[in-house]
Amino acid sequence: MDTTRIIGIDCGTAINGWAVIEVNHKSKVSLISCGVIKTHKFTPEPDRLKDIGDSTAELIKEYNPKIMVLEDIFFFKNAKTVIKVSQARGVIIYQGLTNNLEIISYTPLQVKQQITGYGRADKKQIQFMVNTIFKLKTKLVQDDAADALAIAYCHYLNLKTPKV
């Protein structure tokens, strides 16, 4: 049976959400697993980046995705935050490229529009929709894991949509 695994990652420095979905040859999608990579705020920045990279490599090895989907960096009020998130995103992309994954990015607007039909949806709306779409018995506790699942599912929807 021909299946494709997609890992969605919601990049951060303290918490990185991740979700792995699988699409089969009949375009059926299922959630394989999801969770978060946490780093401690008092850990030196280089060590946090190494932890993020190592954890991402472990996820790739364990779940064997073919595609990595990330959210584009959006505007932050704090320049320090955007720099730190960009560094974490770079480490994650590096791990994806090192493991020969196809790397895809979507803007937050694109993800929200695809998942909820509304480009300004909030985190609760995203969480509600992914819980509904995947018929989860227990709600995803972590916003970051729900966001990662939404990012991966956004790409699945784009794969299903015929290109004009």
C-alpha atoms as a PDB file:
ATOM      1  CA  MET A   1       0.000   0.000   0.000  1.00  0.00           C
ATOM      2  CA  ASP A   2       1.401   3.358  -1.029  1.00  0.00           C
ATOM      3  CA  THR A   3       1.328   5.868   1.830  1.00  0.00           C
ATOM      4  CA  THR A   4       2.995   9.186   2.507  1.00  0.00           C
ATOM      5  CA  ARG A   5       3.805  10.546   5.914  1.00  0.00           C
ATOM      6  CA  ILE A   6       3.854  14.271   6.539  1.00  0.00           C
ATOM      7  CA  ILE A   7       5.340  15.930   9.609  1.00  0.00           C
ATOM      8  CA  GLY A   8       3.989  19.346  10.496  1.00  0.00           C
ATOM      9  CA  ILE A   9       6.021  21.519  12.840  1.00  0.00           C
ATOM     10  CA  ASP A  10       5.003  24.692  14.655  1.00  0.00           C
ATOM     11  CA  CYS A  11       8.366  26.341  15.342  1.00  0.00           C
ATOM     12  CA  GLY A  12       9.271  28.055  18.577  1.00  0.00           C
ATOM     13  CA  THR A  13      12.121  28.173  21.059  1.00  0.00           C
ATOM     14  CA  ALA A  14      10.487  27.073  24.305  1.00  0.00           C
ATOM     15  CA  ILE A  15       7.916  24.785  22.662  1.00  0.00           C
ATOM     16  CA  ASN A  16       7.849  23.290  19.161  1.00  0.00           C
ATOM     17  CA  GLY A  17       4.637  21.500  18.268  1.00  0.00           C
ATOM     18  CA  TRP A  18       4.823  18.510  15.930  1.00  0.00           C
ATOM     19  CA  ALA A  19       2.327  16.183  14.291  1.00  0.00           C
ATOM     20  CA  VAL A  20       2.708  13.269  11.897  1.00  0.00           C
ATOM     21  CA  ILE A  21      -0.129  12.356   9.565  1.00  0.00           C
ATOM     22  CA  GLU A  22      -0.345   9.614   6.978  1.00  0.00           C
ATOM     23  CA  VAL A  23      -2.084   9.825   3.614  1.00  0.00           C
ATOM     24  CA  ASN A  24      -2.872   6.562   1.829  1.00  0.00           C
ATOM     25  CA  HIS A  25      -3.357   5.911  -1.861  1.00  0.00           C
ATOM     26  CA  LYS A  26      -7.104   6.616  -1.537  1.00  0.00           C
ATOM     27  CA  SER A  27      -6.344  10.081  -0.095  1.00  0.00           C
ATOM     28  CA  LYS A  28      -7.499   9.024   3.360  1.00  0.00           C
ATOM     29  CA  VAL A  29      -5.673  10.872   6.114  1.00  0.00           C
ATOM     30  CA  SER A  30      -4.985   9.726   9.650  1.00  0.00           C
ATOM     31  CA  LEU A  31      -3.126  11.104  12.623  1.00  0.00           C
ATOM     32  CA  ILE A  32      -0.131   8.938  13.545  1.00  0.00           C
ATOM     33  CA  SER A  33       1.122  10.934  16.534  1.00  0.00           C
ATOM     34  CA  CYS A  34       1.655  14.450  17.832  1.00  0.00           C
ATOM     35  CA  GLY A  35       3.307  16.219  20.709  1.00  0.00           C
ATOM     36  CA  VAL A  36       5.747  18.941  21.650  1.00  0.00           C
ATOM     37  CA  ILE A  37       9.482  19.443  21.934  1.00  0.00           C
ATOM     38  CA  LYS A  38      10.143  21.556  25.030  1.00  0.00           C
ATOM     39  CA  THR A  39      13.289  23.395  26.003  1.00  0.00           C
ATOM     40  CA  HIS A  40      13.905  25.064  29.348  1.00  0.00           C
ATOM     41  CA  LYS A  41      14.122  28.844  29.412  1.00  0.00           C
ATOM     42  CA  PHE A  42      17.286  28.790  31.542  1.00  0.00           C
ATOM     43  CA  THR A  43      19.158  26.487  29.151  1.00  0.00           C
ATOM     44  CA  PRO A  44      21.732  28.377  27.069  1.00  0.00           C
ATOM     45  CA  GLU A  45      20.461  29.205  23.581  1.00  0.00           C
ATOM     46  CA  PRO A  46      22.993  27.036  21.673  1.00  0.00           C
ATOM     47  CA  ASP A  47      22.022  24.044  23.829  1.00  0.00           C
ATOM     48  CA  ARG A  48      18.321  24.720  23.227  1.00  0.00           C
ATOM     49  CA  LEU A  49      18.916  24.769  19.467  1.00  0.00           C
ATOM     50  CA  LYS A  50      20.870  21.500  19.702  1.00  0.00           C
ATOM     51  CA  ASP A  51      18.028  19.917  21.704  1.00  0.00           C
ATOM     52  CA  ILE A  52      15.500  21.059  19.089  1.00  0.00           C
ATOM     53  CA  GLY A  53      17.658  19.672  16.277  1.00  0.00           C
ATOM     54  CA  ASP A  54      18.314  16.370  18.038  1.00  0.00           C
ATOM     55  CA  SER A  55      14.634  15.917  18.914  1.00  0.00           C
ATOM     56  CA  THR A  56      13.592  16.714  15.348  1.00  0.00           C
ATOM     57  CA  ALA A  57      16.084  14.150  14.017  1.00  0.00           C
ATOM     58  CA  GLU A  58      14.643  11.536  16.418  1.00  0.00           C
ATOM     59  CA  LEU A  59      11.091  12.263  15.225  1.00  0.00           C
ATOM     60  CA  ILE A  60      12.153  11.916  11.593  1.00  0.00           C
ATOM     61  CA  LYS A  61      13.913   8.627  12.333  1.00  0.00           C
ATOM     62  CA  GLU A  62      10.957   7.251  14.314  1.00  0.00           C
ATOM     63  CA  TYR A  63       8.119   8.269  11.973  1.00  0.00           C
ATOM     64  CA  ASN A  64       9.889   8.333   8.593  1.00  0.00           C
ATOM     65  CA  PRO A  65       8.001  11.219   6.977  1.00  0.00           C
ATOM     66  CA  LYS A  66       8.669  12.186   3.367  1.00  0.00           C
ATOM     67  CA  ILE A  67       7.447  15.783   3.675  1.00  0.00           C
ATOM     68  CA  MET A  68       8.093  18.420   6.339  1.00  0.00           C
ATOM     69  CA  VAL A  69       5.612  21.273   6.528  1.00  0.00           C
ATOM     70  CA  LEU A  70       6.291  24.432   8.510  1.00  0.00           C
ATOM     71  CA  GLU A  71       4.579  27.716   9.065  1.00  0.00           C
ATOM     72  CA  ASP A  72       6.316  30.783   7.662  1.00  0.00           C
ATOM     73  CA  ILE A  73       7.625  33.237  10.212  1.00  0.00           C
ATOM     74  CA  PHE A  74       5.103  35.984  10.748  1.00  0.00           C
ATOM     75  CA  PHE A  75       5.602  39.453  12.144  1.00  0.00           C
ATOM     76  CA  PHE A  76       6.438  39.621  15.852  1.00  0.00           C
ATOM     77  CA  LYS A  77       6.330  42.803  17.912  1.00  0.00           C
ATOM     78  CA  ASN A  78       9.611  41.772  19.490  1.00  0.00           C
ATOM     79  CA  ALA A  79      12.602  41.475  17.112  1.00  0.00           C
ATOM     80  CA  LYS A  80      14.427  39.192  19.574  1.00  0.00           C
ATOM     81  CA  THR A  81      11.554  36.704  19.375  1.00  0.00           C
ATOM     82  CA  VAL A  82      11.543  36.563  15.571  1.00  0.00           C
ATOM     83  CA  ILE A  83      15.309  35.984  15.543  1.00  0.00           C
ATOM     84  CA  LYS A  84      15.109  33.143  18.077  1.00  0.00           C
ATOM     85  CA  VAL A  85      12.176  31.462  16.324  1.00  0.00           C
ATOM     86  CA  SER A  86      14.008  31.832  12.996  1.00  0.00           C
ATOM     87  CA  GLN A  87      17.057  30.113  14.471  1.00  0.00           C
ATOM     88  CA  ALA A  88      14.931  27.209  15.725  1.00  0.00           C
ATOM     89  CA  ARG A  89      13.178  27.015  12.344  1.00  0.00           C
ATOM     90  CA  GLY A  90      16.576  26.899  10.614  1.00  0.00           C
ATOM     91  CA  VAL A  91      17.724  23.991  12.790  1.00  0.00           C
ATOM     92  CA  ILE A  92      14.487  22.124  12.031  1.00  0.00           C
ATOM     93  CA  ILE A  93      14.767  22.761   8.280  1.00  0.00           C
ATOM     94  CA  TYR A  94      18.388  21.599   8.391  1.00  0.00           C
ATOM     95  CA  GLN A  95      17.294  18.292   9.935  1.00  0.00           C
ATOM     96  CA  GLY A  96      14.609  17.908   7.276  1.00  0.00           C
ATOM     97  CA  LEU A  97      17.079  18.543   4.460  1.00  0.00           C
ATOM     98  CA  THR A  98      19.698  16.266   6.039  1.00  0.00           C
ATOM     99  CA  ASN A  99      17.093  13.494   6.001  1.00  0.00           C
ATOM    100  CA  ASN A 100      16.042  14.203   2.388  1.00  0.00           C
ATOM    101  CA  LEU A 101      12.580  15.486   3.217  1.00  0.00           C
ATOM    102  CA  GLU A 102      10.658  17.779   0.916  1.00  0.00           C
ATOM    103  CA  ILE A 103      10.258  21.091   2.788  1.00  0.00           C
ATOM    104  CA  ILE A 104       7.024  23.074   2.370  1.00  0.00           C
ATOM    105  CA  SER A 105       5.967  26.328   4.062  1.00  0.00           C
ATOM    106  CA  TYR A 106       2.603  28.020   4.481  1.00  0.00           C
ATOM    107  CA  THR A 107       1.731  31.380   5.944  1.00  0.00           C
ATOM    108  CA  PRO A 108      -0.373  31.461   9.129  1.00  0.00           C
ATOM    109  CA  LEU A 109      -3.170  32.997   7.032  1.00  0.00           C
ATOM    110  CA  GLN A 110      -3.091  30.059   4.573  1.00  0.00           C
ATOM    111  CA  VAL A 111      -3.224  27.488   7.387  1.00  0.00           C
ATOM    112  CA  LYS A 112      -6.075  29.220   9.213  1.00  0.00           C
ATOM    113  CA  GLN A 113      -8.023  29.712   5.980  1.00  0.00           C
ATOM    114  CA  GLN A 114      -7.652  26.046   5.000  1.00  0.00           C
ATOM    115  CA  ILE A 115      -8.530  24.664   8.443  1.00  0.00           C
ATOM    116  CA  THR A 116     -11.301  26.993   9.596  1.00  0.00           C
ATOM    117  CA  GLY A 117     -12.309  28.927   6.491  1.00  0.00           C
ATOM    118  CA  TYR A 118     -11.318  32.123   8.314  1.00  0.00           C
ATOM    119  CA  GLY A 119      -7.838  33.633   8.012  1.00  0.00           C
ATOM    120  CA  ARG A 120      -7.966  35.328  11.396  1.00  0.00           C
ATOM    121  CA  ALA A 121      -9.033  32.277  13.404  1.00  0.00           C
ATOM    122  CA  ASP A 122      -7.665  32.033  16.924  1.00  0.00           C
ATOM    123  CA  LYS A 123      -5.909  29.091  18.589  1.00  0.00           C
ATOM    124  CA  LYS A 124      -9.146  27.765  20.136  1.00  0.00           C
ATOM    125  CA  GLN A 125     -10.808  27.636  16.704  1.00  0.00           C
ATOM    126  CA  ILE A 126      -7.807  25.780  15.233  1.00  0.00           C
ATOM    127  CA  GLN A 127      -7.816  23.337  18.142  1.00  0.00           C
ATOM    128  CA  PHE A 128     -11.574  22.757  17.790  1.00  0.00           C
ATOM    129  CA  MET A 129     -11.259  22.068  14.065  1.00  0.00           C
ATOM    130  CA  VAL A 130      -8.356  19.597  14.284  1.00  0.00           C
ATOM    131  CA  ASN A 131     -10.125  17.758  17.114  1.00  0.00           C
ATOM    132  CA  THR A 132     -13.245  17.579  14.932  1.00  0.00           C
ATOM    133  CA  ILE A 133     -11.450  16.647  11.694  1.00  0.00           C
ATOM    134  CA  PHE A 134      -9.452  13.844  13.292  1.00  0.00           C
ATOM    135  CA  LYS A 135     -12.285  12.768  15.648  1.00  0.00           C
ATOM    136  CA  LEU A 136      -9.952  12.836  18.616  1.00  0.00           C
ATOM    137  CA  LYS A 137     -11.376  11.241  21.754  1.00  0.00           C
ATOM    138  CA  THR A 138      -9.343  13.528  23.970  1.00  0.00           C
ATOM    139  CA  LYS A 139      -8.694  17.106  23.025  1.00  0.00           C
ATOM    140  CA  LEU A 140      -5.163  18.148  22.195  1.00  0.00           C
ATOM    141  CA  VAL A 141      -3.955  19.944  25.300  1.00  0.00           C
ATOM    142  CA  GLN A 142      -1.054  21.740  23.681  1.00  0.00           C
ATOM    143  CA  ASP A 143      -1.901  24.585  21.306  1.00  0.00           C
ATOM    144  CA  ASP A 144       1.455  24.006  19.611  1.00  0.00           C
ATOM    145  CA  ALA A 145       0.644  20.364  18.792  1.00  0.00           C
ATOM    146  CA  ALA A 146      -2.759  21.414  17.431  1.00  0.00           C
ATOM    147  CA  ASP A 147      -1.073  24.085  15.310  1.00  0.00           C
ATOM    148  CA  ALA A 148       1.403  21.519  13.962  1.00  0.00           C
ATOM    149  CA  LEU A 149      -1.458  19.180  13.089  1.00  0.00           C
ATOM    150  CA  ALA A 150      -3.245  22.051  11.331  1.00  0.00           C
ATOM    151  CA  ILE A 151      -0.082  22.826   9.344  1.00  0.00           C
ATOM    152  CA  ALA A 152       0.290  19.194   8.227  1.00  0.00           C
ATOM    153  CA  TYR A 153      -3.416  18.928   7.385  1.00  0.00           C
ATOM    154  CA  CYS A 154      -3.244  22.169   5.386  1.00  0.00           C
ATOM    155  CA  HIS A 155      -0.663  20.523   3.152  1.00  0.00           C
ATOM    156  CA  TYR A 156      -2.786  17.382   2.827  1.00  0.00           C
ATOM    157  CA  LEU A 157      -5.690  19.562   1.633  1.00  0.00           C
ATOM    158  CA  ASN A 158      -3.409  21.231  -0.898  1.00  0.00           C
ATOM    159  CA  LEU A 159      -2.277  17.813  -2.173  1.00  0.00           C
ATOM    160  CA  LYS A 160      -5.923  16.805  -2.662  1.00  0.00           C
ATOM    161  CA  THR A 161      -6.866  19.993  -4.501  1.00  0.00           C
ATOM    162  CA  PRO A 162      -6.381  19.705  -8.268  1.00  0.00           C
ATOM    163  CA  LYS A 163      -3.966  22.277  -9.628  1.00  0.00           C
ATOM    164  CA  VAL A 164      -5.402  24.523 -12.334  1.00  0.00           C
END
